[in-house]
N, C-alpha and C. Protein backbone atom coordinates (compact mmCIF):
# COMPACT_ATOMS: atom_id res chain seq x y z
N MET A 1 78.16 -44.63 -68.94
CA MET A 1 76.44 -44.67 -69.66
C MET A 1 76.41 -46.29 -69.99
N LEU A 2 75.19 -46.66 -70.21
CA LEU A 2 75.07 -48.03 -70.23
C LEU A 2 74.36 -48.40 -71.43
N LEU A 3 74.90 -48.88 -72.57
CA LEU A 3 73.87 -49.20 -73.62
C LEU A 3 73.89 -50.31 -74.17
N PRO A 4 72.72 -50.45 -74.65
CA PRO A 4 72.17 -52.28 -74.72
C PRO A 4 73.32 -52.53 -76.39
N TYR A 5 73.32 -54.04 -76.40
CA TYR A 5 74.18 -54.66 -77.63
C TYR A 5 73.65 -56.02 -77.62
N ARG A 6 72.80 -56.27 -78.38
CA ARG A 6 72.36 -57.52 -79.04
C ARG A 6 71.69 -57.96 -77.40
N ARG A 7 72.09 -59.00 -76.61
CA ARG A 7 71.44 -59.33 -75.68
C ARG A 7 73.08 -59.24 -74.34
N GLN A 8 73.72 -57.90 -74.71
CA GLN A 8 74.88 -57.93 -73.85
C GLN A 8 74.48 -56.59 -73.40
N PHE A 9 75.21 -55.65 -72.19
CA PHE A 9 75.40 -54.36 -72.14
C PHE A 9 76.63 -54.07 -72.23
N VAL A 10 77.21 -52.76 -73.02
CA VAL A 10 77.78 -52.12 -72.99
C VAL A 10 78.52 -50.84 -71.93
N VAL A 11 79.27 -50.88 -71.30
CA VAL A 11 79.40 -49.61 -70.79
C VAL A 11 80.56 -48.80 -71.26
N VAL A 12 79.98 -46.88 -71.59
CA VAL A 12 80.63 -46.44 -72.58
C VAL A 12 81.26 -45.32 -71.90
N SER A 13 82.11 -44.20 -72.20
CA SER A 13 82.35 -43.22 -71.90
C SER A 13 81.63 -41.86 -72.70
N ARG A 14 81.62 -40.63 -72.43
CA ARG A 14 81.35 -39.61 -72.78
C ARG A 14 81.76 -39.51 -74.62
N HIS A 15 83.41 -39.88 -74.44
CA HIS A 15 83.75 -40.11 -75.60
C HIS A 15 83.17 -40.71 -76.60
N TYR A 16 83.34 -41.82 -76.09
CA TYR A 16 82.32 -42.74 -77.31
C TYR A 16 81.09 -42.65 -77.92
N LEU A 17 80.21 -41.78 -76.53
CA LEU A 17 79.03 -40.76 -77.53
C LEU A 17 79.51 -40.10 -78.90
N ASP A 18 80.15 -39.08 -77.79
CA ASP A 18 80.87 -38.14 -78.86
C ASP A 18 81.27 -38.78 -80.22
N GLU A 19 81.80 -39.90 -80.73
CA GLU A 19 81.83 -40.65 -81.45
C GLU A 19 81.12 -40.97 -82.72
N LEU A 20 79.81 -41.81 -81.57
CA LEU A 20 78.45 -42.23 -82.36
C LEU A 20 77.50 -40.66 -82.82
N GLY A 21 78.16 -39.48 -82.59
CA GLY A 21 77.31 -38.50 -83.06
C GLY A 21 75.82 -38.49 -82.24
N VAL A 22 76.07 -38.88 -80.97
CA VAL A 22 75.31 -38.42 -80.00
C VAL A 22 75.38 -37.76 -78.67
N PRO A 23 76.19 -36.58 -78.61
CA PRO A 23 76.70 -36.19 -77.29
C PRO A 23 76.48 -36.06 -75.82
N ALA A 24 77.32 -36.63 -75.51
CA ALA A 24 76.59 -36.79 -73.74
C ALA A 24 76.53 -35.64 -72.63
N ASP A 25 76.67 -34.56 -73.97
CA ASP A 25 75.65 -33.29 -72.94
C ASP A 25 74.07 -33.42 -73.50
N LEU A 26 73.53 -33.91 -74.13
CA LEU A 26 72.15 -33.34 -73.99
C LEU A 26 71.29 -34.02 -72.80
N PRO A 27 70.35 -33.29 -72.95
CA PRO A 27 69.44 -33.25 -71.96
C PRO A 27 68.86 -34.40 -71.64
N ASP A 28 68.57 -35.06 -72.57
CA ASP A 28 67.63 -36.51 -72.76
C ASP A 28 68.48 -38.22 -71.45
N TRP A 29 70.25 -37.59 -71.93
CA TRP A 29 70.55 -37.92 -71.23
C TRP A 29 70.46 -38.55 -69.57
N PRO A 30 70.44 -37.37 -68.80
CA PRO A 30 69.93 -37.55 -67.23
C PRO A 30 68.83 -37.86 -67.15
N ALA A 31 67.98 -37.86 -68.24
CA ALA A 31 66.49 -38.34 -68.21
C ALA A 31 66.62 -39.75 -68.69
N THR A 32 67.28 -40.45 -68.69
CA THR A 32 67.51 -42.50 -69.08
C THR A 32 67.85 -42.22 -67.74
N GLY A 33 68.47 -41.93 -67.13
CA GLY A 33 69.49 -42.48 -66.13
C GLY A 33 70.63 -42.70 -66.57
N HIS A 34 71.22 -42.08 -67.99
CA HIS A 34 72.08 -42.33 -67.99
C HIS A 34 72.46 -44.35 -68.77
N ASP A 35 71.34 -44.87 -68.95
CA ASP A 35 70.94 -46.35 -69.12
C ASP A 35 69.85 -46.72 -70.13
N LEU A 36 70.50 -46.72 -70.98
CA LEU A 36 69.30 -46.98 -72.44
C LEU A 36 68.57 -48.33 -72.43
N VAL A 37 69.32 -49.30 -71.24
CA VAL A 37 68.53 -50.34 -71.02
C VAL A 37 67.46 -50.04 -69.92
N ALA A 38 67.07 -49.83 -69.37
CA ALA A 38 66.25 -49.25 -67.81
C ALA A 38 64.96 -48.25 -68.71
N ALA A 39 65.99 -47.51 -69.63
CA ALA A 39 64.75 -46.08 -70.67
C ALA A 39 64.19 -47.21 -71.65
N TYR A 40 64.35 -48.27 -71.99
CA TYR A 40 64.07 -48.63 -73.30
C TYR A 40 62.27 -47.72 -73.75
N ALA A 41 62.19 -47.67 -75.30
CA ALA A 41 61.33 -47.55 -75.22
C ALA A 41 60.54 -45.96 -74.82
N SER A 42 61.07 -45.13 -73.66
CA SER A 42 60.72 -44.17 -73.26
C SER A 42 60.76 -42.93 -74.75
N PRO A 43 60.28 -41.66 -74.56
CA PRO A 43 60.57 -40.55 -75.03
C PRO A 43 61.50 -40.00 -74.88
N PRO A 44 62.52 -39.90 -74.17
CA PRO A 44 64.42 -39.85 -74.48
C PRO A 44 64.76 -40.88 -75.30
N TRP A 45 64.84 -41.86 -75.04
CA TRP A 45 65.24 -43.03 -75.49
C TRP A 45 65.25 -42.90 -76.98
N LEU A 46 63.64 -42.26 -77.17
CA LEU A 46 63.46 -42.69 -78.38
C LEU A 46 64.31 -41.48 -79.41
N ARG A 47 64.56 -40.02 -78.47
CA ARG A 47 65.07 -38.98 -79.64
C ARG A 47 66.51 -39.29 -79.72
N LEU A 48 67.14 -39.39 -78.63
CA LEU A 48 68.37 -40.47 -78.39
C LEU A 48 68.82 -41.37 -79.78
N CYS A 49 67.84 -42.35 -79.67
CA CYS A 49 67.60 -43.11 -80.82
C CYS A 49 67.88 -42.73 -82.28
N ALA A 50 66.51 -41.83 -82.49
CA ALA A 50 66.81 -41.52 -83.63
C ALA A 50 67.51 -40.25 -83.76
N MET A 51 68.65 -40.02 -82.89
CA MET A 51 69.66 -38.60 -83.10
C MET A 51 70.58 -39.41 -84.05
N ARG A 52 71.03 -41.07 -83.42
CA ARG A 52 72.14 -41.89 -83.90
C ARG A 52 71.79 -42.23 -85.26
N LEU A 53 70.20 -42.54 -85.31
CA LEU A 53 70.24 -42.87 -86.69
C LEU A 53 70.33 -41.82 -88.02
N ARG A 54 70.24 -40.29 -87.38
CA ARG A 54 70.63 -39.40 -88.18
C ARG A 54 72.07 -38.99 -88.25
N ALA A 55 72.77 -39.64 -87.10
CA ALA A 55 73.66 -39.17 -87.22
C ALA A 55 74.51 -38.97 -88.96
N PRO A 56 75.92 -38.37 -88.79
CA PRO A 56 76.49 -37.81 -90.31
C PRO A 56 77.88 -40.16 -90.82
N LEU A 57 77.08 -40.51 -91.60
CA LEU A 57 77.84 -41.88 -92.61
C LEU A 57 79.29 -41.84 -91.81
N ALA A 58 79.69 -40.78 -91.56
CA ALA A 58 81.36 -41.26 -90.89
C ALA A 58 81.16 -41.70 -89.22
N THR A 59 80.00 -41.59 -88.80
CA THR A 59 80.33 -41.89 -87.69
C THR A 59 79.63 -43.87 -87.59
N TRP A 60 79.27 -44.49 -88.41
CA TRP A 60 78.63 -45.38 -88.30
C TRP A 60 80.03 -46.42 -89.05
N PHE A 61 81.14 -45.84 -89.05
CA PHE A 61 82.09 -46.93 -89.84
C PHE A 61 83.65 -47.07 -89.08
N ALA A 62 84.34 -47.84 -88.84
CA ALA A 62 85.77 -47.39 -88.47
C ALA A 62 86.52 -47.39 -89.19
N THR A 63 87.29 -46.15 -88.89
CA THR A 63 88.21 -45.50 -90.03
C THR A 63 89.85 -46.14 -89.32
N ALA A 64 90.78 -46.68 -90.39
CA ALA A 64 92.07 -46.63 -89.69
C ALA A 64 92.13 -45.61 -89.33
N ALA A 65 93.45 -45.19 -88.69
CA ALA A 65 94.14 -44.02 -87.88
C ALA A 65 95.49 -43.85 -89.19
């Protein structure tokens, strides 16, 4: 999956998305082509971003194991 980060891009795995609270098995991912840069502002992009913003607080901060 390709995610935007500031003026760069990040390639991430399914596990990373799960940790962010945006599961990789959602139907919106294929609709974006697994590329949130190219899909910017599309309806699936908006739904995925909204899901991230509503994710549990624990997904927003890294914790030491």
